């Protein structure tokens, strides 16, 4: 029985922590536009220390999602380093 109680307590704790975890939306900044050779990429950036979440929310049709996201991560990093 003690093992089950410990397991139940552990699961309850994990659920509580995950319920309190912030969502990316809480850290969003105003979208920014980055001019590229292919056209304008609109980036959703987050707080300076969260560059890993930065992503493209609009990009030229000729640009892949991966490339758009890379441009936005680079812009977030540029702003972080500034």
Protein backbone atom coordinates (compact mmCIF):
# COMPACT_ATOMS: atom_id res chain seq x y z
CA UNK A 1 0.00 0.00 0.00
CA UNK A 2 2.81 2.44 0.81
CA UNK A 3 4.13 2.03 -2.74
CA UNK A 4 0.75 2.94 -4.24
CA UNK A 5 0.45 5.98 -1.98
CA UNK A 6 3.91 7.13 -3.00
CA UNK A 7 3.07 6.64 -6.67
CA UNK A 8 -0.22 8.51 -6.30
CA UNK A 9 1.52 11.38 -4.51
CA UNK A 10 4.18 11.53 -7.20
CA UNK A 11 1.60 11.62 -9.98
CA UNK A 12 -0.42 14.28 -8.19
CA UNK A 13 2.72 16.39 -7.78
CA UNK A 14 3.63 16.03 -11.46
CA UNK A 15 0.13 17.09 -12.50
CA UNK A 16 0.25 20.08 -10.19
CA UNK A 17 3.59 21.24 -11.58
CA UNK A 18 2.48 20.80 -15.19
CA UNK A 19 -0.74 22.73 -14.52
CA UNK A 20 1.31 25.64 -13.20
CA UNK A 21 3.82 25.63 -16.06
CA UNK A 22 3.62 28.84 -18.09
CA UNK A 23 2.53 28.66 -21.69
CA UNK A 24 4.49 30.39 -24.46
CA UNK A 25 1.64 32.88 -24.95
CA UNK A 26 2.43 34.43 -21.58
CA UNK A 27 5.86 35.50 -22.85
CA UNK A 28 4.98 36.78 -26.34
CA UNK A 29 6.15 40.19 -27.48
CA UNK A 30 4.59 42.17 -30.31
CA UNK A 31 5.35 40.43 -33.63
CA UNK A 32 8.25 41.88 -35.59
CA UNK A 33 8.95 41.89 -39.30
CA UNK A 34 12.31 40.90 -40.73
CA UNK A 35 13.20 41.83 -44.31
CA UNK A 36 14.90 38.99 -46.22
CA UNK A 37 15.94 38.47 -49.84
CA UNK A 38 12.80 36.34 -50.30
CA UNK A 39 10.48 38.87 -48.66
CA UNK A 40 9.19 39.84 -45.25
CA UNK A 41 9.06 37.27 -42.44
CA UNK A 42 6.81 38.08 -39.49
CA UNK A 43 8.24 36.67 -36.28
CA UNK A 44 6.66 35.92 -32.95
CA UNK A 45 9.44 36.57 -30.48
CA UNK A 46 9.37 35.87 -26.78
CA UNK A 47 11.31 37.21 -23.83
CA UNK A 48 15.03 37.63 -24.53
CA UNK A 49 16.00 34.53 -22.55
CA UNK A 50 13.51 32.34 -24.47
CA UNK A 51 14.95 32.51 -27.98
CA UNK A 52 14.30 28.80 -28.46
CA UNK A 53 10.54 29.51 -28.80
CA UNK A 54 10.94 32.23 -31.46
CA UNK A 55 9.14 31.29 -34.68
CA UNK A 56 7.75 32.60 -37.94
CA UNK A 57 4.04 33.34 -37.98
CA UNK A 58 4.07 34.54 -41.59
CA UNK A 59 6.60 34.06 -44.38
CA UNK A 60 6.81 34.23 -48.16
CA UNK A 61 5.25 31.24 -49.91
CA UNK A 62 8.65 30.42 -51.44
CA UNK A 63 10.21 29.98 -47.97
CA UNK A 64 10.00 26.81 -45.91
CA UNK A 65 8.69 26.82 -42.34
CA UNK A 66 12.11 25.66 -41.18
CA UNK A 67 13.86 28.58 -42.90
CA UNK A 68 11.32 31.09 -41.59
CA UNK A 69 11.74 29.80 -38.05
CA UNK A 70 15.54 29.94 -38.39
CA UNK A 71 15.33 33.59 -39.45
CA UNK A 72 13.18 34.37 -36.42
CA UNK A 73 15.47 32.52 -34.03
CA UNK A 74 18.41 34.46 -35.48
CA UNK A 75 16.50 37.74 -35.00
CA UNK A 76 15.69 36.79 -31.41
CA UNK A 77 19.34 35.95 -30.79
CA UNK A 78 20.43 39.23 -32.41
CA UNK A 79 18.14 41.16 -30.08
CA UNK A 80 19.31 39.15 -27.09
CA UNK A 81 22.95 39.90 -27.87
CA UNK A 82 22.32 43.62 -28.51
